[in-house]
All heavy atoms as atom14 arrays in JSON, in Angstrom:
{
  "sequence": "GSDIGDREAFSKLLRACGTIDGLERVRFTSPHPRDFTDDVIAAMA",
  "atom14_mask": [
    [1, 1, 1, 1, 0, 0, 0, 0, 0, 0, 0, 0, 0, 0],
    [1, 1, 1, 1, 1, 1, 0, 0, 0, 0, 0, 0, 0, 0],
    [1, 1, 1, 1, 1, 1, 1, 1, 0, 0, 0, 0, 0, 0],
    [1, 1, 1, 1, 1, 1, 1, 1, 0, 0, 0, 0, 0, 0],
    [1, 1, 1, 1, 0, 0, 0, 0, 0, 0, 0, 0, 0, 0],
    [1, 1, 1, 1, 1, 1, 1, 1, 0, 0, 0, 0, 0, 0],
    [1, 1, 1, 1, 1, 1, 1, 1, 1, 1, 1, 0, 0, 0],
    [1, 1, 1, 1, 1, 1, 1, 1, 1, 0, 0, 0, 0, 0],
    [1, 1, 1, 1, 1, 0, 0, 0, 0, 0, 0, 0, 0, 0],
    [1, 1, 1, 1, 1, 1, 1, 1, 1, 1, 1, 0, 0, 0],
    [1, 1, 1, 1, 1, 1, 0, 0, 0, 0, 0, 0, 0, 0],
    [1, 1, 1, 1, 1, 1, 1, 1, 1, 0, 0, 0, 0, 0],
    [1, 1, 1, 1, 1, 1, 1, 1, 0, 0, 0, 0, 0, 0],
    [1, 1, 1, 1, 1, 1, 1, 1, 0, 0, 0, 0, 0, 0],
    [1, 1, 1, 1, 1, 1, 1, 1, 1, 1, 1, 0, 0, 0],
    [1, 1, 1, 1, 1, 0, 0, 0, 0, 0, 0, 0, 0, 0],
    [1, 1, 1, 1, 1, 1, 0, 0, 0, 0, 0, 0, 0, 0],
    [1, 1, 1, 1, 0, 0, 0, 0, 0, 0, 0, 0, 0, 0],
    [1, 1, 1, 1, 1, 1, 1, 0, 0, 0, 0, 0, 0, 0],
    [1, 1, 1, 1, 1, 1, 1, 1, 0, 0, 0, 0, 0, 0],
    [1, 1, 1, 1, 1, 1, 1, 1, 0, 0, 0, 0, 0, 0],
    [1, 1, 1, 1, 0, 0, 0, 0, 0, 0, 0, 0, 0, 0],
    [1, 1, 1, 1, 1, 1, 1, 1, 0, 0, 0, 0, 0, 0],
    [1, 1, 1, 1, 1, 1, 1, 1, 1, 0, 0, 0, 0, 0],
    [1, 1, 1, 1, 1, 1, 1, 1, 1, 1, 1, 0, 0, 0],
    [1, 1, 1, 1, 1, 1, 1, 0, 0, 0, 0, 0, 0, 0],
    [1, 1, 1, 1, 1, 1, 1, 1, 1, 1, 1, 0, 0, 0],
    [1, 1, 1, 1, 1, 1, 1, 1, 1, 1, 1, 0, 0, 0],
    [1, 1, 1, 1, 1, 1, 1, 0, 0, 0, 0, 0, 0, 0],
    [1, 1, 1, 1, 1, 1, 0, 0, 0, 0, 0, 0, 0, 0],
    [1, 1, 1, 1, 1, 1, 1, 0, 0, 0, 0, 0, 0, 0],
    [1, 1, 1, 1, 1, 1, 1, 1, 1, 1, 0, 0, 0, 0],
    [1, 1, 1, 1, 1, 1, 1, 0, 0, 0, 0, 0, 0, 0],
    [1, 1, 1, 1, 1, 1, 1, 1, 1, 1, 1, 0, 0, 0],
    [1, 1, 1, 1, 1, 1, 1, 1, 0, 0, 0, 0, 0, 0],
    [1, 1, 1, 1, 1, 1, 1, 1, 1, 1, 1, 0, 0, 0],
    [1, 1, 1, 1, 1, 1, 1, 0, 0, 0, 0, 0, 0, 0],
    [1, 1, 1, 1, 1, 1, 1, 1, 0, 0, 0, 0, 0, 0],
    [1, 1, 1, 1, 1, 1, 1, 1, 0, 0, 0, 0, 0, 0],
    [1, 1, 1, 1, 1, 1, 1, 0, 0, 0, 0, 0, 0, 0],
    [1, 1, 1, 1, 1, 1, 1, 1, 0, 0, 0, 0, 0, 0],
    [1, 1, 1, 1, 1, 0, 0, 0, 0, 0, 0, 0, 0, 0],
    [1, 1, 1, 1, 1, 0, 0, 0, 0, 0, 0, 0, 0, 0],
    [1, 1, 1, 1, 1, 1, 1, 1, 0, 0, 0, 0, 0, 0],
    [1, 1, 1, 1, 1, 0, 0, 0, 0, 0, 0, 0, 0, 0]
  ],
  "atom14_positions": [
    [[143.24, -349.7, 109.51], [142.69, -350.99, 109.94], [142.73, -352.03, 108.85], [142.69, -353.23, 109.12], [0.0, 0.0, 0.0], [0.0, 0.0, 0.0], [0.0, 0.0, 0.0], [0.0, 0.0, 0.0], [0.0, 0.0, 0.0], [0.0, 0.0, 0.0], [0.0, 0.0, 0.0], [0.0, 0.0, 0.0], [0.0, 0.0, 0.0], [0.0, 0.0, 0.0]],
    [[142.82, -351.59, 107.59], [142.85, -352.56, 106.48], [144.09, -353.43, 106.55], [144.06, -354.61, 106.18], [142.8, -351.83, 105.14], [143.93, -350.98, 104.98], [0.0, 0.0, 0.0], [0.0, 0.0, 0.0], [0.0, 0.0, 0.0], [0.0, 0.0, 0.0], [0.0, 0.0, 0.0], [0.0, 0.0, 0.0], [0.0, 0.0, 0.0], [0.0, 0.0, 0.0]],
    [[145.17, -352.87, 107.07], [146.43, -353.63, 107.15], [146.46, -354.55, 108.37], [147.24, -355.49, 108.42], [147.61, -352.63, 107.2], [148.95, -353.32, 107.15], [149.13, -354.21, 106.3], [149.84, -352.96, 107.95], [0.0, 0.0, 0.0], [0.0, 0.0, 0.0], [0.0, 0.0, 0.0], [0.0, 0.0, 0.0], [0.0, 0.0, 0.0], [0.0, 0.0, 0.0]],
    [[145.6, -354.27, 109.35], [145.58, -355.1, 110.56], [144.28, -355.88, 110.69], [144.03, -356.52, 111.72], [145.81, -354.24, 111.82], [144.76, -353.11, 111.92], [147.21, -353.65, 111.83], [144.91, -352.25, 113.16], [0.0, 0.0, 0.0], [0.0, 0.0, 0.0], [0.0, 0.0, 0.0], [0.0, 0.0, 0.0], [0.0, 0.0, 0.0], [0.0, 0.0, 0.0]],
    [[143.44, -355.82, 109.65], [142.25, -356.67, 109.6], [141.11, -356.26, 110.49], [140.37, -357.12, 110.99], [0.0, 0.0, 0.0], [0.0, 0.0, 0.0], [0.0, 0.0, 0.0], [0.0, 0.0, 0.0], [0.0, 0.0, 0.0], [0.0, 0.0, 0.0], [0.0, 0.0, 0.0], [0.0, 0.0, 0.0], [0.0, 0.0, 0.0], [0.0, 0.0, 0.0]],
    [[140.91, -354.94, 110.72], [139.82, -354.47, 111.56], [139.16, -353.28, 110.87], [139.7, -352.18, 110.87], [140.33, -354.07, 112.94], [139.21, -353.68, 113.9], [138.05, -353.59, 113.45], [139.51, -353.46, 115.08], [0.0, 0.0, 0.0], [0.0, 0.0, 0.0], [0.0, 0.0, 0.0], [0.0, 0.0, 0.0], [0.0, 0.0, 0.0], [0.0, 0.0, 0.0]],
    [[137.99, -353.46, 110.31], [137.31, -352.41, 109.55], [136.84, -351.25, 110.43], [136.58, -350.17, 109.93], [136.12, -353.0, 108.8], [136.5, -353.92, 107.65], [135.25, -354.5, 106.98], [134.37, -353.46, 106.47], [134.49, -352.86, 105.3], [135.5, -353.19, 104.5], [133.63, -351.94, 104.91], [0.0, 0.0, 0.0], [0.0, 0.0, 0.0], [0.0, 0.0, 0.0]],
    [[136.72, -351.47, 111.73], [136.28, -350.41, 112.63], [137.43, -349.85, 113.46], [137.22, -349.15, 114.45], [135.16, -350.91, 113.53], [133.88, -351.27, 112.77], [132.72, -351.58, 113.7], [132.95, -351.65, 114.93], [131.59, -351.74, 113.2], [0.0, 0.0, 0.0], [0.0, 0.0, 0.0], [0.0, 0.0, 0.0], [0.0, 0.0, 0.0], [0.0, 0.0, 0.0]],
    [[138.65, -350.13, 113.03], [139.82, -349.72, 113.81], [139.91, -348.2, 113.96], [140.32, -347.69, 115.01], [141.1, -350.26, 113.18], [0.0, 0.0, 0.0], [0.0, 0.0, 0.0], [0.0, 0.0, 0.0], [0.0, 0.0, 0.0], [0.0, 0.0, 0.0], [0.0, 0.0, 0.0], [0.0, 0.0, 0.0], [0.0, 0.0, 0.0], [0.0, 0.0, 0.0]],
    [[139.52, -347.46, 112.91], [139.66, -346.01, 112.99], [138.68, -345.41, 113.98], [139.04, -344.55, 114.8], [139.49, -345.37, 111.61], [139.77, -343.9, 111.61], [141.03, -343.41, 111.93], [138.77, -342.99, 111.3], [141.28, -342.05, 111.96], [139.02, -341.62, 111.32], [140.28, -341.15, 111.64], [0.0, 0.0, 0.0], [0.0, 0.0, 0.0], [0.0, 0.0, 0.0]],
    [[137.42, -345.85, 113.94], [136.45, -345.32, 114.9], [136.85, -345.7, 116.33], [136.68, -344.91, 117.26], [135.04, -345.81, 114.58], [134.95, -347.22, 114.66], [0.0, 0.0, 0.0], [0.0, 0.0, 0.0], [0.0, 0.0, 0.0], [0.0, 0.0, 0.0], [0.0, 0.0, 0.0], [0.0, 0.0, 0.0], [0.0, 0.0, 0.0], [0.0, 0.0, 0.0]],
    [[137.39, -346.9, 116.51], [137.86, -347.31, 117.83], [139.01, -346.43, 118.29], [139.1, -346.08, 119.48], [138.29, -348.77, 117.8], [137.16, -349.77, 117.58], [137.71, -351.19, 117.44], [136.6, -352.2, 117.17], [137.16, -353.57, 116.93], [0.0, 0.0, 0.0], [0.0, 0.0, 0.0], [0.0, 0.0, 0.0], [0.0, 0.0, 0.0], [0.0, 0.0, 0.0]],
    [[139.89, -346.06, 117.36], [141.02, -345.2, 117.69], [140.53, -343.81, 118.13], [141.04, -343.25, 119.11], [141.96, -345.08, 116.5], [143.24, -344.26, 116.7], [144.11, -344.86, 117.79], [144.02, -344.17, 115.39], [0.0, 0.0, 0.0], [0.0, 0.0, 0.0], [0.0, 0.0, 0.0], [0.0, 0.0, 0.0], [0.0, 0.0, 0.0], [0.0, 0.0, 0.0]],
    [[139.54, -343.27, 117.41], [138.99, -341.98, 117.81], [138.41, -342.04, 119.22], [138.63, -341.14, 120.05], [137.9, -341.54, 116.82], [138.36, -341.15, 115.41], [137.15, -340.8, 114.54], [139.33, -339.97, 115.45], [0.0, 0.0, 0.0], [0.0, 0.0, 0.0], [0.0, 0.0, 0.0], [0.0, 0.0, 0.0], [0.0, 0.0, 0.0], [0.0, 0.0, 0.0]],
    [[137.66, -343.09, 119.49], [137.06, -343.22, 120.83], [138.14, -343.38, 121.9], [138.01, -342.85, 123.01], [136.09, -344.39, 120.86], [134.83, -344.16, 119.99], [133.87, -345.34, 120.1], [132.73, -345.21, 119.21], [131.62, -344.53, 119.47], [131.53, -343.87, 120.62], [130.62, -344.47, 118.6], [0.0, 0.0, 0.0], [0.0, 0.0, 0.0], [0.0, 0.0, 0.0]],
    [[139.2, -344.11, 121.58], [140.29, -344.29, 122.55], [140.98, -342.96, 122.85], [141.39, -342.71, 123.99], [141.3, -345.3, 122.02], [0.0, 0.0, 0.0], [0.0, 0.0, 0.0], [0.0, 0.0, 0.0], [0.0, 0.0, 0.0], [0.0, 0.0, 0.0], [0.0, 0.0, 0.0], [0.0, 0.0, 0.0], [0.0, 0.0, 0.0], [0.0, 0.0, 0.0]],
    [[141.07, -342.09, 121.84], [141.66, -340.76, 122.07], [140.83, -339.98, 123.09], [141.36, -339.15, 123.83], [141.73, -339.99, 120.76], [143.0, -340.56, 119.61], [0.0, 0.0, 0.0], [0.0, 0.0, 0.0], [0.0, 0.0, 0.0], [0.0, 0.0, 0.0], [0.0, 0.0, 0.0], [0.0, 0.0, 0.0], [0.0, 0.0, 0.0], [0.0, 0.0, 0.0]],
    [[139.53, -340.26, 123.13], [138.65, -339.57, 124.06], [138.9, -339.94, 125.51], [138.41, -339.24, 126.42], [0.0, 0.0, 0.0], [0.0, 0.0, 0.0], [0.0, 0.0, 0.0], [0.0, 0.0, 0.0], [0.0, 0.0, 0.0], [0.0, 0.0, 0.0], [0.0, 0.0, 0.0], [0.0, 0.0, 0.0], [0.0, 0.0, 0.0], [0.0, 0.0, 0.0]],
    [[139.63, -340.99, 125.77], [139.9, -341.42, 127.14], [141.23, -340.89, 127.68], [141.56, -341.14, 128.84], [139.93, -342.97, 127.22], [141.07, -343.47, 126.49], [138.65, -343.56, 126.64], [0.0, 0.0, 0.0], [0.0, 0.0, 0.0], [0.0, 0.0, 0.0], [0.0, 0.0, 0.0], [0.0, 0.0, 0.0], [0.0, 0.0, 0.0], [0.0, 0.0, 0.0]],
    [[141.98, -340.17, 126.85], [143.3, -339.7, 127.26], [143.16, -338.37, 128.0], [142.78, -337.35, 127.43], [144.24, -339.55, 126.05], [144.44, -340.92, 125.39], [145.58, -338.95, 126.47], [145.29, -340.88, 124.13], [0.0, 0.0, 0.0], [0.0, 0.0, 0.0], [0.0, 0.0, 0.0], [0.0, 0.0, 0.0], [0.0, 0.0, 0.0], [0.0, 0.0, 0.0]],
    [[143.46, -338.37, 129.27], [143.33, -337.19, 130.11], [144.32, -336.11, 129.66], [145.5, -336.37, 129.48], [143.6, -337.57, 131.57], [143.3, -336.43, 132.53], [142.31, -335.72, 132.3], [144.08, -336.25, 133.48], [0.0, 0.0, 0.0], [0.0, 0.0, 0.0], [0.0, 0.0, 0.0], [0.0, 0.0, 0.0], [0.0, 0.0, 0.0], [0.0, 0.0, 0.0]],
    [[143.82, -334.9, 129.47], [144.68, -333.79, 129.06], [144.68, -333.55, 127.56], [145.17, -332.51, 127.12], [0.0, 0.0, 0.0], [0.0, 0.0, 0.0], [0.0, 0.0, 0.0], [0.0, 0.0, 0.0], [0.0, 0.0, 0.0], [0.0, 0.0, 0.0], [0.0, 0.0, 0.0], [0.0, 0.0, 0.0], [0.0, 0.0, 0.0], [0.0, 0.0, 0.0]],
    [[144.14, -334.48, 126.79], [144.05, -334.3, 125.34], [142.75, -333.57, 125.04], [141.67, -334.15, 125.16], [144.1, -335.65, 124.63], [144.01, -335.62, 123.09], [145.14, -334.8, 122.48], [144.03, -337.04, 122.54], [0.0, 0.0, 0.0], [0.0, 0.0, 0.0], [0.0, 0.0, 0.0], [0.0, 0.0, 0.0], [0.0, 0.0, 0.0], [0.0, 0.0, 0.0]],
    [[142.84, -332.31, 124.64], [141.65, -331.48, 124.49], [141.06, -331.5, 123.08], [139.84, -331.34, 122.92], [141.96, -330.03, 124.88], [142.36, -329.87, 126.34], [142.3, -328.43, 126.79], [141.66, -327.6, 126.11], [142.92, -328.13, 127.83], [0.0, 0.0, 0.0], [0.0, 0.0, 0.0], [0.0, 0.0, 0.0], [0.0, 0.0, 0.0], [0.0, 0.0, 0.0]],
    [[141.9, -331.66, 122.07], [141.4, -331.57, 120.7], [142.03, -332.67, 119.83], [143.25, -332.85, 119.84], [141.7, -330.2, 120.09], [140.97, -329.06, 120.79], [141.14, -327.73, 120.07], [140.29, -326.7, 120.64], [140.07, -325.51, 120.1], [140.65, -325.19, 118.95], [139.27, -324.63, 120.69], [0.0, 0.0, 0.0], [0.0, 0.0, 0.0], [0.0, 0.0, 0.0]],
    [[141.18, -333.36, 119.11], [141.62, -334.41, 118.18], [141.06, -334.08, 116.79], [139.87, -333.8, 116.64], [141.12, -335.8, 118.62], [141.54, -336.87, 117.61], [141.62, -336.14, 120.02], [0.0, 0.0, 0.0], [0.0, 0.0, 0.0], [0.0, 0.0, 0.0], [0.0, 0.0, 0.0], [0.0, 0.0, 0.0], [0.0, 0.0, 0.0], [0.0, 0.0, 0.0]],
    [[141.94, -334.09, 115.8], [141.55, -333.9, 114.41], [142.16, -335.03, 113.59], [143.01, -335.78, 114.07], [142.04, -332.54, 113.89], [141.61, -331.36, 114.75], [142.02, -330.03, 114.12], [141.87, -328.92, 115.05], [140.74, -328.25, 115.26], [139.64, -328.61, 114.61], [140.68, -327.25, 116.12], [0.0, 0.0, 0.0], [0.0, 0.0, 0.0], [0.0, 0.0, 0.0]],
    [[141.76, -335.15, 112.32], [142.38, -336.15, 111.44], [142.29, -335.68, 110.0], [141.4, -334.93, 109.61], [141.72, -337.53, 111.6], [140.24, -337.56, 111.33], [139.74, -337.77, 110.05], [139.33, -337.39, 112.37], [138.38, -337.82, 109.81], [137.95, -337.43, 112.14], [137.47, -337.64, 110.85], [0.0, 0.0, 0.0], [0.0, 0.0, 0.0], [0.0, 0.0, 0.0]],
    [[143.26, -336.14, 109.19], [143.29, -335.8, 107.77], [144.21, -336.77, 107.06], [145.18, -337.25, 107.66], [143.76, -334.34, 107.58], [143.48, -333.9, 106.28], [145.25, -334.18, 107.86], [0.0, 0.0, 0.0], [0.0, 0.0, 0.0], [0.0, 0.0, 0.0], [0.0, 0.0, 0.0], [0.0, 0.0, 0.0], [0.0, 0.0, 0.0], [0.0, 0.0, 0.0]],
    [[143.9, -337.12, 105.8], [142.68, -336.82, 105.09], [141.92, -338.14, 104.86], [142.52, -339.13, 104.5], [142.98, -336.23, 103.71], [143.49, -334.93, 103.76], [0.0, 0.0, 0.0], [0.0, 0.0, 0.0], [0.0, 0.0, 0.0], [0.0, 0.0, 0.0], [0.0, 0.0, 0.0], [0.0, 0.0, 0.0], [0.0, 0.0, 0.0], [0.0, 0.0, 0.0]],
    [[140.61, -338.13, 105.05], [139.83, -339.34, 104.82], [139.45, -339.51, 103.35], [139.63, -338.59, 102.54], [138.6, -339.12, 105.68], [138.41, -337.64, 105.64], [139.79, -337.04, 105.59], [0.0, 0.0, 0.0], [0.0, 0.0, 0.0], [0.0, 0.0, 0.0], [0.0, 0.0, 0.0], [0.0, 0.0, 0.0], [0.0, 0.0, 0.0], [0.0, 0.0, 0.0]],
    [[138.94, -340.67, 103.01], [138.47, -340.97, 101.66], [136.98, -341.34, 101.77], [136.6, -342.12, 102.65], [139.25, -342.16, 101.08], [139.03, -342.38, 99.62], [137.82, -342.79, 99.09], [139.87, -342.26, 98.55], [137.93, -342.91, 97.78], [139.16, -342.6, 97.43], [0.0, 0.0, 0.0], [0.0, 0.0, 0.0], [0.0, 0.0, 0.0], [0.0, 0.0, 0.0]],
    [[136.13, -340.78, 100.91], [134.69, -341.09, 101.0], [134.38, -342.58, 100.95], [133.42, -343.03, 101.6], [134.11, -340.36, 99.78], [135.05, -339.23, 99.54], [136.42, -339.77, 99.87], [0.0, 0.0, 0.0], [0.0, 0.0, 0.0], [0.0, 0.0, 0.0], [0.0, 0.0, 0.0], [0.0, 0.0, 0.0], [0.0, 0.0, 0.0], [0.0, 0.0, 0.0]],
    [[135.18, -343.34, 100.22], [134.92, -344.78, 100.11], [134.91, -345.45, 101.47], [134.12, -346.36, 101.74], [136.0, -345.43, 99.24], [135.8, -346.93, 99.04], [137.06, -347.59, 98.49], [138.14, -347.54, 99.46], [139.38, -347.96, 99.22], [139.7, -348.39, 98.02], [140.3, -347.9, 100.15], [0.0, 0.0, 0.0], [0.0, 0.0, 0.0], [0.0, 0.0, 0.0]],
    [[135.8, -345.02, 102.36], [135.98, -345.69, 103.65], [135.3, -344.96, 104.8], [135.5, -345.33, 105.96], [137.48, -345.82, 103.95], [138.21, -346.6, 102.86], [137.85, -347.76, 102.64], [139.12, -346.03, 102.23], [0.0, 0.0, 0.0], [0.0, 0.0, 0.0], [0.0, 0.0, 0.0], [0.0, 0.0, 0.0], [0.0, 0.0, 0.0], [0.0, 0.0, 0.0]],
    [[134.51, -343.93, 104.48], [133.92, -343.15, 105.56], [132.6, -343.79, 105.98], [131.57, -343.62, 105.35], [133.69, -341.7, 105.1], [133.71, -340.73, 106.24], [134.91, -340.26, 106.74], [132.53, -340.32, 106.83], [134.95, -339.37, 107.8], [132.55, -339.44, 107.9], [133.75, -338.96, 108.39], [0.0, 0.0, 0.0], [0.0, 0.0, 0.0], [0.0, 0.0, 0.0]],
    [[132.65, -344.52, 107.08], [131.52, -345.35, 107.5], [130.76, -344.71, 108.67], [131.24, -343.78, 109.32], [132.04, -346.74, 107.92], [133.13, -346.57, 108.83], [132.53, -347.51, 106.7], [0.0, 0.0, 0.0], [0.0, 0.0, 0.0], [0.0, 0.0, 0.0], [0.0, 0.0, 0.0], [0.0, 0.0, 0.0], [0.0, 0.0, 0.0], [0.0, 0.0, 0.0]],
    [[129.57, -345.24, 108.92], [128.7, -344.68, 109.95], [129.33, -344.75, 111.33], [129.08, -343.89, 112.19], [127.35, -345.41, 109.97], [126.5, -345.1, 108.74], [126.88, -344.18, 107.98], [125.48, -345.79, 108.52], [0.0, 0.0, 0.0], [0.0, 0.0, 0.0], [0.0, 0.0, 0.0], [0.0, 0.0, 0.0], [0.0, 0.0, 0.0], [0.0, 0.0, 0.0]],
    [[130.14, -345.79, 111.59], [130.75, -345.89, 112.91], [131.75, -344.76, 113.15], [131.94, -344.32, 114.29], [131.43, -347.26, 113.11], [132.54, -347.52, 112.11], [132.24, -347.6, 110.91], [133.71, -347.64, 112.52], [0.0, 0.0, 0.0], [0.0, 0.0, 0.0], [0.0, 0.0, 0.0], [0.0, 0.0, 0.0], [0.0, 0.0, 0.0], [0.0, 0.0, 0.0]],
    [[132.37, -344.24, 112.07], [133.28, -343.1, 112.22], [132.5, -341.84, 112.55], [132.88, -341.06, 113.42], [134.12, -342.91, 110.94], [134.93, -341.62, 111.01], [135.05, -344.1, 110.72], [0.0, 0.0, 0.0], [0.0, 0.0, 0.0], [0.0, 0.0, 0.0], [0.0, 0.0, 0.0], [0.0, 0.0, 0.0], [0.0, 0.0, 0.0], [0.0, 0.0, 0.0]],
    [[131.36, -341.64, 111.88], [130.51, -340.48, 112.17], [130.04, -340.53, 113.62], [130.07, -339.51, 114.33], [129.31, -340.43, 111.21], [129.8, -340.26, 109.76], [128.37, -339.3, 111.58], [128.71, -340.36, 108.72], [0.0, 0.0, 0.0], [0.0, 0.0, 0.0], [0.0, 0.0, 0.0], [0.0, 0.0, 0.0], [0.0, 0.0, 0.0], [0.0, 0.0, 0.0]],
    [[129.63, -341.71, 114.07], [129.18, -341.85, 115.46], [130.31, -341.56, 116.44], [130.09, -340.88, 117.47], [128.64, -343.27, 115.68], [0.0, 0.0, 0.0], [0.0, 0.0, 0.0], [0.0, 0.0, 0.0], [0.0, 0.0, 0.0], [0.0, 0.0, 0.0], [0.0, 0.0, 0.0], [0.0, 0.0, 0.0], [0.0, 0.0, 0.0], [0.0, 0.0, 0.0]],
    [[131.51, -342.03, 116.14], [132.64, -341.78, 117.03], [132.97, -340.29, 117.09], [133.28, -339.75, 118.16], [133.86, -342.57, 116.55], [0.0, 0.0, 0.0], [0.0, 0.0, 0.0], [0.0, 0.0, 0.0], [0.0, 0.0, 0.0], [0.0, 0.0, 0.0], [0.0, 0.0, 0.0], [0.0, 0.0, 0.0], [0.0, 0.0, 0.0], [0.0, 0.0, 0.0]],
    [[132.88, -339.61, 115.94], [133.12, -338.16, 115.93], [132.1, -337.44, 116.79], [132.44, -336.55, 117.58], [133.03, -337.63, 114.5], [134.16, -338.06, 113.58], [133.91, -337.43, 111.89], [134.03, -335.65, 112.16], [0.0, 0.0, 0.0], [0.0, 0.0, 0.0], [0.0, 0.0, 0.0], [0.0, 0.0, 0.0], [0.0, 0.0, 0.0], [0.0, 0.0, 0.0]],
    [[130.84, -337.82, 116.65], [129.76, -337.13, 117.36], [129.77, -337.42, 118.85], [129.39, -336.56, 119.66], [128.41, -337.53, 116.75], [0.0, 0.0, 0.0], [0.0, 0.0, 0.0], [0.0, 0.0, 0.0], [0.0, 0.0, 0.0], [0.0, 0.0, 0.0], [0.0, 0.0, 0.0], [0.0, 0.0, 0.0], [0.0, 0.0, 0.0], [0.0, 0.0, 0.0]]
  ]
}
C-alpha cells in the first residue's frame, strides 16, 4: 500500500480474500514489525 498511497491496503486485501468463494486458506509472508498495525490484526481475526 505504500506504493499506492493506502496505509490500510493490506488489511483490506486480507478482508477481500475472505469474500472469494472456494478459497479456504489464506496465509502471508513475511511481514515487518514496523508496519504491523492493529487493522491487520483485526482483519486476521
